[in-house]
Every structure is written in structure tokens, then in C-alpha cells.
């Protein structure tokens, strides 16, 4: 089974949510978004997969994240959110001082 992956190059954080449940993926996205903002990163790319939800089927990570975007509860500090087939990219508001310490998966995933 796949496990989540996180890469931080000091400017952009990439978070791959494959292998998580919907609730775990949403929580990890929030945690990573907050820490990326705090550390002064300019982008967070979230790889959620290209799944679709049909009536009567369980929700997917993609649909849960897109629902939260539509409700305005995700990315309150993002200046732009770019949606694509299998990713979301948050362009972050750079009010925090940049912290060069790399963000690691264990920093955001308990």
C-alpha cells in the first residue's frame, strides 16, 4: 500500500496523499498548509489523485478537498488555488519570514 510523501525544496512543498483515508488526507493537508505558511514557503502542491465521486459512492480525497475549497475552509491565506485533474496548488501569502528548516512528513503527520 502506498504511503504519503512530502518533499520540501525550501520554496515549494509537495505533498502526495496516496495511501491515506479521506479524513487523514484532509487533516494532513491542513497541517502541511499551516506549516508551509509558517515557514515562508511560496507554494504547496497537493497530489490527491484523479478519482471522481458518483452519487451513492463514498467521497474521495479529491472531492473532500474540493468541497472544503468551495466552502472557503481551506486555504484562507492562499492568494490563488490552481485546480487540476489530480492536484491542487496553493500559492501562499508570504507574510511569514522564511525558515530554511526543511519540512518533513513527521513534522505534520502524527
N, C-alpha and C. Protein backbone atom coordinates (compact mmCIF):
# COMPACT_ATOMS: atom_id res chain seq x y z
N UNK A 1 0.84 -1.19 0.00
CA UNK A 1 0.00 0.00 0.00
C UNK A 1 0.88 1.24 0.00
N UNK A 2 0.48 2.24 -0.72
CA UNK A 2 1.22 3.49 -0.82
C UNK A 2 1.14 4.25 0.50
N UNK A 3 2.15 5.05 0.78
CA UNK A 3 2.15 5.90 1.95
C UNK A 3 2.33 7.34 1.49
N UNK A 4 1.89 8.30 2.28
CA UNK A 4 2.04 9.69 1.88
C UNK A 4 3.52 10.06 1.77
N UNK A 5 3.78 11.03 0.91
CA UNK A 5 5.14 11.52 0.71
C UNK A 5 5.14 13.04 0.81
N UNK A 6 6.22 13.61 1.32
CA UNK A 6 6.35 15.05 1.41
C UNK A 6 7.75 15.44 0.99
N UNK A 7 7.83 16.45 0.13
CA UNK A 7 9.12 16.98 -0.31
C UNK A 7 9.08 18.50 -0.15
N UNK A 8 10.14 19.05 0.41
CA UNK A 8 10.24 20.50 0.62
C UNK A 8 11.58 20.96 0.07
N UNK A 9 11.54 21.79 -0.98
CA UNK A 9 12.78 22.28 -1.56
C UNK A 9 13.17 23.67 -1.03
N UNK A 10 12.47 24.12 0.02
CA UNK A 10 12.75 25.42 0.61
C UNK A 10 11.89 26.53 0.04
N UNK A 11 11.25 26.26 -1.08
CA UNK A 11 10.36 27.22 -1.72
C UNK A 11 8.97 26.63 -1.90
N UNK A 12 8.94 25.41 -2.42
CA UNK A 12 7.68 24.72 -2.68
C UNK A 12 7.65 23.40 -1.92
N UNK A 13 6.51 23.13 -1.31
CA UNK A 13 6.28 21.86 -0.64
C UNK A 13 5.35 21.03 -1.52
N UNK A 14 5.70 19.77 -1.72
CA UNK A 14 4.85 18.86 -2.47
C UNK A 14 4.41 17.75 -1.53
N UNK A 15 3.10 17.55 -1.44
CA UNK A 15 2.51 16.56 -0.55
C UNK A 15 1.70 15.58 -1.38
N UNK A 16 2.07 14.31 -1.34
CA UNK A 16 1.36 13.26 -2.06
C UNK A 16 0.53 12.48 -1.05
N UNK A 17 -0.79 12.50 -1.23
CA UNK A 17 -1.72 11.92 -0.25
C UNK A 17 -2.10 10.47 -0.52
N UNK A 18 -1.51 9.86 -1.52
CA UNK A 18 -1.87 8.47 -1.84
C UNK A 18 -1.62 7.55 -0.64
N UNK A 19 -2.57 6.67 -0.41
CA UNK A 19 -2.47 5.70 0.67
C UNK A 19 -3.18 6.10 1.95
N UNK A 20 -3.73 7.31 1.99
CA UNK A 20 -4.41 7.78 3.20
C UNK A 20 -5.92 7.64 3.07
N UNK A 21 -6.59 7.62 4.20
CA UNK A 21 -8.04 7.72 4.20
C UNK A 21 -8.41 9.18 3.91
N UNK A 22 -9.65 9.43 3.61
CA UNK A 22 -10.10 10.80 3.32
C UNK A 22 -9.83 11.70 4.52
N UNK A 23 -10.21 11.29 5.70
CA UNK A 23 -10.03 12.12 6.89
C UNK A 23 -8.55 12.38 7.18
N UNK A 24 -7.71 11.34 7.05
CA UNK A 24 -6.28 11.53 7.25
C UNK A 24 -5.71 12.53 6.24
N UNK A 25 -6.13 12.42 4.99
CA UNK A 25 -5.63 13.29 3.93
C UNK A 25 -6.02 14.74 4.18
N UNK A 26 -7.26 14.97 4.60
CA UNK A 26 -7.72 16.33 4.87
C UNK A 26 -6.93 16.92 6.05
N UNK A 27 -6.78 16.15 7.12
CA UNK A 27 -6.02 16.63 8.28
C UNK A 27 -4.57 16.93 7.92
N UNK A 28 -3.95 16.04 7.14
CA UNK A 28 -2.56 16.24 6.75
C UNK A 28 -2.40 17.45 5.83
N UNK A 29 -3.37 17.68 4.98
CA UNK A 29 -3.33 18.86 4.11
C UNK A 29 -3.39 20.13 4.93
N UNK A 30 -4.32 20.21 5.88
CA UNK A 30 -4.41 21.38 6.76
C UNK A 30 -3.09 21.60 7.52
N UNK A 31 -2.54 20.55 8.11
CA UNK A 31 -1.31 20.67 8.90
C UNK A 31 -0.15 21.14 8.03
N UNK A 32 -0.04 20.59 6.85
CA UNK A 32 1.05 20.95 5.95
C UNK A 32 0.88 22.37 5.45
N UNK A 33 -0.34 22.76 5.14
CA UNK A 33 -0.60 24.12 4.68
C UNK A 33 -0.20 25.14 5.75
N UNK A 34 -0.58 24.88 6.99
CA UNK A 34 -0.24 25.79 8.08
C UNK A 34 1.28 25.89 8.28
N UNK A 35 1.97 24.75 8.26
CA UNK A 35 3.42 24.78 8.47
C UNK A 35 4.14 25.41 7.28
N UNK A 36 3.67 25.15 6.08
CA UNK A 36 4.27 25.78 4.89
C UNK A 36 4.13 27.29 4.97
N UNK A 37 2.98 27.76 5.41
CA UNK A 37 2.78 29.21 5.60
C UNK A 37 3.72 29.75 6.67
N UNK A 38 3.79 29.04 7.80
CA UNK A 38 4.63 29.48 8.92
C UNK A 38 6.11 29.54 8.53
N UNK A 39 6.53 28.63 7.67
CA UNK A 39 7.94 28.58 7.27
C UNK A 39 8.24 29.43 6.05
N UNK A 40 7.26 30.16 5.55
CA UNK A 40 7.51 31.09 4.45
C UNK A 40 7.64 30.46 3.08
N UNK A 41 7.05 29.29 2.88
CA UNK A 41 7.09 28.67 1.54
C UNK A 41 6.11 29.40 0.65
N UNK A 42 6.40 29.45 -0.66
CA UNK A 42 5.51 30.19 -1.54
C UNK A 42 4.46 29.32 -2.22
N UNK A 43 4.63 28.02 -2.19
CA UNK A 43 3.64 27.13 -2.81
C UNK A 43 3.53 25.82 -2.04
N UNK A 44 2.32 25.28 -2.08
CA UNK A 44 2.07 23.92 -1.61
C UNK A 44 1.33 23.20 -2.72
N UNK A 45 1.94 22.15 -3.23
CA UNK A 45 1.30 21.33 -4.25
C UNK A 45 0.82 20.05 -3.57
N UNK A 46 -0.48 19.79 -3.66
CA UNK A 46 -1.09 18.62 -3.04
C UNK A 46 -1.51 17.66 -4.16
N UNK A 47 -0.95 16.47 -4.13
CA UNK A 47 -1.31 15.44 -5.11
C UNK A 47 -2.39 14.58 -4.46
N UNK A 48 -3.61 14.69 -4.99
CA UNK A 48 -4.74 13.96 -4.39
C UNK A 48 -5.24 12.84 -5.27
N UNK A 49 -4.78 12.73 -6.48
CA UNK A 49 -5.26 11.71 -7.40
C UNK A 49 -6.40 12.24 -8.25
N UNK A 50 -6.77 11.48 -9.26
CA UNK A 50 -7.76 11.95 -10.23
C UNK A 50 -9.10 11.25 -10.10
N UNK A 51 -9.38 10.68 -8.96
CA UNK A 51 -10.63 9.95 -8.76
C UNK A 51 -11.84 10.88 -8.85
N UNK A 52 -12.96 10.28 -9.14
CA UNK A 52 -14.22 11.03 -9.20
C UNK A 52 -15.22 10.38 -8.26
N UNK A 53 -16.19 11.16 -7.86
CA UNK A 53 -17.24 10.66 -6.97
C UNK A 53 -18.56 10.66 -7.72
N UNK A 54 -19.27 9.57 -7.62
CA UNK A 54 -20.60 9.48 -8.20
C UNK A 54 -21.62 9.37 -7.07
N UNK A 55 -22.84 9.74 -7.36
CA UNK A 55 -23.90 9.67 -6.35
C UNK A 55 -23.95 8.28 -5.73
N UNK A 56 -24.02 8.24 -4.42
CA UNK A 56 -24.12 6.97 -3.72
C UNK A 56 -22.80 6.30 -3.42
N UNK A 57 -21.70 6.84 -3.93
CA UNK A 57 -20.39 6.27 -3.66
C UNK A 57 -19.69 7.05 -2.55
N UNK A 58 -18.76 6.42 -1.86
CA UNK A 58 -18.03 7.14 -0.82
C UNK A 58 -17.25 8.31 -1.41
N UNK A 59 -17.09 9.35 -0.62
CA UNK A 59 -16.33 10.50 -1.09
C UNK A 59 -14.86 10.13 -1.25
N UNK A 60 -14.18 10.88 -2.08
CA UNK A 60 -12.76 10.66 -2.32
C UNK A 60 -11.96 11.81 -1.70
N UNK A 61 -10.66 11.64 -1.63
CA UNK A 61 -9.79 12.71 -1.14
C UNK A 61 -9.99 13.95 -2.00
N UNK A 62 -10.01 13.75 -3.30
CA UNK A 62 -10.19 14.88 -4.22
C UNK A 62 -11.49 15.62 -3.93
N UNK A 63 -12.59 14.90 -3.82
CA UNK A 63 -13.87 15.57 -3.60
C UNK A 63 -13.92 16.25 -2.23
N UNK A 64 -13.31 15.64 -1.21
CA UNK A 64 -13.30 16.25 0.12
C UNK A 64 -12.51 17.56 0.12
N UNK A 65 -11.35 17.57 -0.53
CA UNK A 65 -10.55 18.80 -0.59
C UNK A 65 -11.24 19.87 -1.42
N UNK A 66 -11.83 19.49 -2.54
CA UNK A 66 -12.52 20.47 -3.38
C UNK A 66 -13.76 21.02 -2.67
N UNK A 67 -14.46 20.17 -1.91
CA UNK A 67 -15.60 20.64 -1.12
C UNK A 67 -15.17 21.70 -0.11
N UNK A 68 -14.06 21.46 0.56
CA UNK A 68 -13.56 22.43 1.55
C UNK A 68 -13.11 23.73 0.88
N UNK A 69 -12.55 23.63 -0.29
CA UNK A 69 -12.21 24.85 -1.03
C UNK A 69 -13.47 25.63 -1.38
N UNK A 70 -14.50 24.93 -1.86
CA UNK A 70 -15.75 25.58 -2.24
C UNK A 70 -16.44 26.22 -1.03
N UNK A 71 -16.27 25.61 0.15
CA UNK A 71 -16.87 26.15 1.37
C UNK A 71 -16.04 27.28 1.98
N UNK A 72 -14.83 27.47 1.47
CA UNK A 72 -13.96 28.52 1.98
C UNK A 72 -13.23 28.17 3.26
N UNK A 73 -13.14 26.88 3.60
CA UNK A 73 -12.50 26.49 4.85
C UNK A 73 -11.07 25.99 4.67
N UNK A 74 -10.59 25.98 3.47
CA UNK A 74 -9.22 25.54 3.18
C UNK A 74 -8.52 26.68 2.45
N UNK A 75 -7.33 26.97 2.77
CA UNK A 75 -6.55 27.97 2.03
C UNK A 75 -6.97 29.41 2.29
N UNK A 76 -7.27 29.72 3.53
CA UNK A 76 -7.65 31.10 3.83
C UNK A 76 -6.52 32.09 3.58
N UNK A 77 -5.28 31.62 3.61
CA UNK A 77 -4.15 32.52 3.39
C UNK A 77 -3.52 32.34 2.01
N UNK A 78 -4.12 31.54 1.17
CA UNK A 78 -3.61 31.37 -0.19
C UNK A 78 -4.10 32.52 -1.04
N UNK A 79 -3.22 33.05 -1.86
CA UNK A 79 -3.63 34.11 -2.76
C UNK A 79 -4.31 33.55 -4.01
N UNK A 80 -3.94 32.33 -4.36
CA UNK A 80 -4.51 31.65 -5.53
C UNK A 80 -4.50 30.15 -5.26
N UNK A 81 -5.51 29.45 -5.77
CA UNK A 81 -5.52 27.99 -5.74
C UNK A 81 -5.75 27.53 -7.17
N UNK A 82 -4.83 26.72 -7.67
CA UNK A 82 -4.94 26.19 -9.02
C UNK A 82 -5.39 24.74 -8.92
N UNK A 83 -6.53 24.45 -9.54
CA UNK A 83 -7.07 23.09 -9.52
C UNK A 83 -6.73 22.41 -10.85
N UNK A 84 -6.24 21.21 -10.76
CA UNK A 84 -6.04 20.41 -11.97
C UNK A 84 -6.64 19.03 -11.73
N UNK A 85 -6.50 18.17 -12.69
CA UNK A 85 -7.15 16.86 -12.63
C UNK A 85 -6.76 16.06 -11.39
N UNK A 86 -5.48 16.09 -11.03
CA UNK A 86 -5.05 15.27 -9.91
C UNK A 86 -4.25 16.01 -8.84
N UNK A 87 -4.24 17.35 -8.92
CA UNK A 87 -3.51 18.13 -7.92
C UNK A 87 -4.24 19.43 -7.58
N UNK A 88 -3.86 19.99 -6.45
CA UNK A 88 -4.21 21.36 -6.07
C UNK A 88 -2.90 22.06 -5.78
N UNK A 89 -2.74 23.27 -6.25
CA UNK A 89 -1.55 24.05 -5.93
C UNK A 89 -1.99 25.34 -5.26
N UNK A 90 -1.51 25.53 -4.04
CA UNK A 90 -1.82 26.72 -3.26
C UNK A 90 -0.66 27.70 -3.40
N UNK A 91 -0.94 28.90 -3.88
CA UNK A 91 0.05 29.97 -3.89
C UNK A 91 -0.16 30.72 -2.60
N UNK A 92 0.86 30.74 -1.75
CA UNK A 92 0.69 31.22 -0.39
C UNK A 92 1.03 32.68 -0.23
N UNK A 93 0.37 33.29 0.72
CA UNK A 93 0.62 34.68 1.10
C UNK A 93 1.91 34.69 1.92
N UNK A 94 2.90 35.39 1.43
CA UNK A 94 4.22 35.33 2.06
C UNK A 94 4.40 36.40 3.13
N UNK A 95 3.67 36.28 4.22
CA UNK A 95 3.83 37.23 5.32
C UNK A 95 4.80 36.70 6.37
N UNK A 96 5.04 35.41 6.36
CA UNK A 96 5.96 34.83 7.35
C UNK A 96 7.40 34.96 6.86
N UNK A 97 8.31 35.06 7.81
CA UNK A 97 9.73 35.07 7.48
C UNK A 97 10.12 33.66 7.08
N UNK A 98 10.91 33.56 6.04
CA UNK A 98 11.32 32.25 5.56
C UNK A 98 12.19 31.54 6.59
N UNK A 99 11.87 30.29 6.84
CA UNK A 99 12.63 29.44 7.74
C UNK A 99 13.20 28.32 6.88
N UNK A 100 14.52 28.22 6.77
CA UNK A 100 15.11 27.24 5.86
C UNK A 100 15.02 25.79 6.33
N UNK A 101 14.57 25.56 7.56
CA UNK A 101 14.47 24.18 8.05
C UNK A 101 13.49 23.41 7.17
N UNK A 102 13.93 22.31 6.57
CA UNK A 102 13.03 21.56 5.69
C UNK A 102 11.85 20.98 6.47
N UNK A 103 10.71 21.02 5.83
CA UNK A 103 9.50 20.40 6.40
C UNK A 103 9.57 18.92 6.07
N UNK A 104 9.36 18.10 7.08
CA UNK A 104 9.39 16.65 6.90
C UNK A 104 8.02 16.09 7.24
N UNK A 105 7.73 14.93 6.71
CA UNK A 105 6.42 14.31 6.93
C UNK A 105 6.13 14.16 8.43
N UNK A 106 7.12 13.79 9.21
CA UNK A 106 6.89 13.61 10.65
C UNK A 106 6.58 14.92 11.36
N UNK A 107 6.87 16.06 10.73
CA UNK A 107 6.50 17.36 11.30
C UNK A 107 5.01 17.63 11.25
N UNK A 108 4.34 17.03 10.29
CA UNK A 108 2.92 17.34 10.08
C UNK A 108 1.99 16.13 10.23
N UNK A 109 2.56 14.95 10.30
CA UNK A 109 1.73 13.73 10.35
C UNK A 109 2.01 13.01 11.65
N UNK A 110 1.01 13.01 12.49
CA UNK A 110 1.16 12.38 13.81
C UNK A 110 0.55 10.99 13.79
